[in-house]
Protein backbone atom coordinates (compact mmCIF):
# COMPACT_ATOMS: atom_id res chain seq x y z
CA MET A 1 -9.40 -4.31 -2.65
CA GLN A 2 -12.19 -5.78 -4.73
CA TYR A 3 -12.12 -6.36 -8.47
CA ILE A 4 -14.90 -7.01 -10.99
CA LEU A 5 -14.11 -9.45 -13.79
CA LEU A 6 -16.22 -9.44 -16.95
CA VAL A 7 -15.93 -12.80 -18.73
CA ARG A 8 -16.58 -13.72 -22.37
CA LEU A 9 -16.15 -17.40 -23.11
CA SER A 10 -14.42 -18.59 -26.28
CA PRO A 11 -16.30 -21.13 -28.42
CA GLU A 12 -14.31 -23.88 -26.63
CA GLY A 13 -15.20 -22.36 -23.26
CA ILE A 14 -18.89 -22.29 -24.20
CA ASP A 15 -18.74 -25.95 -25.24
CA ALA A 16 -16.97 -26.92 -22.00
CA THR A 17 -19.50 -25.00 -19.88
CA LEU A 18 -22.47 -26.49 -21.75
CA GLU A 19 -21.00 -29.96 -21.19
CA ASN A 20 -20.33 -29.23 -17.50
CA PRO A 21 -22.07 -26.12 -16.08
CA ARG A 22 -19.79 -26.31 -13.01
CA THR A 23 -16.72 -25.48 -15.13
CA PRO A 24 -16.44 -21.85 -13.90
CA LEU A 25 -16.90 -22.93 -10.27
CA ASP A 26 -14.35 -25.72 -10.64
CA ALA A 27 -11.92 -23.27 -12.25
CA GLU A 28 -12.42 -20.77 -9.43
CA ARG A 29 -11.78 -23.41 -6.77
CA SER A 30 -8.65 -24.69 -8.50
CA ILE A 31 -6.84 -21.32 -8.38
CA SER A 32 -4.62 -20.58 -5.40
CA ILE A 33 -3.07 -17.12 -5.46
CA PRO A 34 -1.91 -15.94 -2.00
CA GLY A 35 -4.20 -13.25 -0.61
CA VAL A 36 -6.85 -13.60 -3.33
CA SER A 37 -10.34 -14.93 -2.67
CA ALA A 38 -13.27 -15.22 -5.04
CA LEU A 39 -16.37 -13.61 -3.58
CA GLY A 40 -18.76 -14.81 -6.27
CA ILE A 41 -19.23 -15.88 -9.86
CA TYR A 42 -22.48 -15.03 -11.61
CA ALA A 43 -23.91 -15.94 -15.01
CA VAL A 44 -25.15 -12.77 -16.70
CA LEU A 45 -27.15 -11.75 -19.74
CA GLY A 46 -25.81 -9.35 -22.34
CA PRO A 47 -22.38 -9.11 -23.96
CA TYR A 48 -20.67 -11.09 -21.16
CA ASP A 49 -21.23 -14.68 -20.05
CA PHE A 50 -20.10 -14.37 -16.43
CA THR A 51 -19.11 -11.78 -13.88
CA ALA A 52 -16.75 -12.64 -11.04
CA ILE A 53 -15.89 -10.59 -7.98
CA ILE A 54 -12.59 -11.16 -6.22
CA ASP A 55 -10.79 -9.65 -3.26
CA ALA A 56 -7.04 -9.18 -3.78
CA PRO A 57 -4.30 -7.28 -1.96
CA ASP A 58 -3.09 -5.49 -5.10
CA ASN A 59 -3.29 -5.26 -8.90
CA ASP A 60 -0.52 -7.82 -9.38
CA ALA A 61 -2.35 -10.52 -7.43
CA ALA A 62 -5.64 -9.67 -9.17
CA ALA A 63 -3.94 -9.95 -12.57
CA ARG A 64 -2.43 -13.34 -11.70
CA TRP A 65 -5.85 -14.63 -10.61
CA SER A 66 -7.54 -13.22 -13.70
CA ILE A 67 -5.01 -14.84 -16.05
CA ALA A 68 -5.29 -18.21 -14.29
CA PHE A 69 -9.10 -18.06 -14.37
CA SER A 70 -9.11 -17.07 -18.04
CA ALA A 71 -6.87 -19.99 -18.96
CA ARG A 72 -9.03 -22.50 -17.08
CA ILE A 73 -12.39 -21.38 -18.48
CA ARG A 74 -11.07 -20.60 -21.95
CA GLY A 75 -12.29 -17.06 -22.04
CA GLU A 76 -11.41 -13.41 -22.36
CA ILE A 77 -11.58 -11.35 -19.18
CA THR A 78 -11.72 -7.63 -18.49
CA THR A 79 -10.60 -6.98 -14.90
CA MET A 80 -11.46 -3.70 -13.20
CA PRO A 81 -10.72 -2.44 -9.69
CA ALA A 82 -13.90 -1.65 -7.77
CA VAL A 83 -13.64 1.61 -5.84
CA PRO A 84 -16.24 1.99 -3.06
CA LEU A 85 -18.28 5.16 -3.49
CA SER A 86 -17.28 6.35 -0.03
CA HIS A 87 -13.69 6.63 -1.30
CA LEU A 88 -14.81 9.31 -3.75
CA GLU A 89 -15.95 11.52 -0.88
CA GLY A 90 -12.44 11.91 0.57
CA PRO A 91 -10.61 10.68 3.68
CA ARG A 92 -12.99 12.19 6.25
CA ALA A 93 -16.01 10.44 4.78
CA ARG A 94 -14.08 7.15 4.72
CA ASP A 95 -13.18 7.55 8.38
CA ARG A 96 -16.86 8.07 9.27
CA ALA A 97 -18.13 5.18 7.18
CA GLU A 98 -18.50 1.93 9.08
CA GLN A 99 -18.47 -0.02 5.84
CA ALA A 100 -17.23 1.04 2.40
CA SER A 101 -19.95 -0.76 0.47
CA GLU A 102 -22.93 -3.02 0.91
CA PRO A 103 -22.12 -6.69 1.48
CA LEU A 104 -22.54 -9.03 -1.46
CA PRO A 105 -25.44 -11.49 -1.40
CA GLY A 106 -24.56 -14.30 1.00
CA GLN A 107 -21.93 -12.27 2.86
CA ALA A 108 -22.36 -11.30 6.48
CA SER A 109 -22.37 -7.58 7.11
CA GLY A 110 -20.13 -5.86 9.64
């Protein structure tokens, strides 16, 4: 299951990221939660500083990753499960769908 994380840095997190723009990437790479992989971290404009997308086997694993990431980047994170649109159409539509959603940039399809 995929999760979207919306990240707001604390003042200390902003300072750390300005000093070393690789801070979020370094934080992502330092976290090892079984079954969880980060699919991408993106700087964004608006009320959030970053958005991360992770793949996790369940909510518990996603929560552990989110907490670890938040501690390392010194930020506040809102974590939301991402439900593919095909899942809203019911089981038959899911069975027919080859892929639940479009691949993320840089990911191979299929």
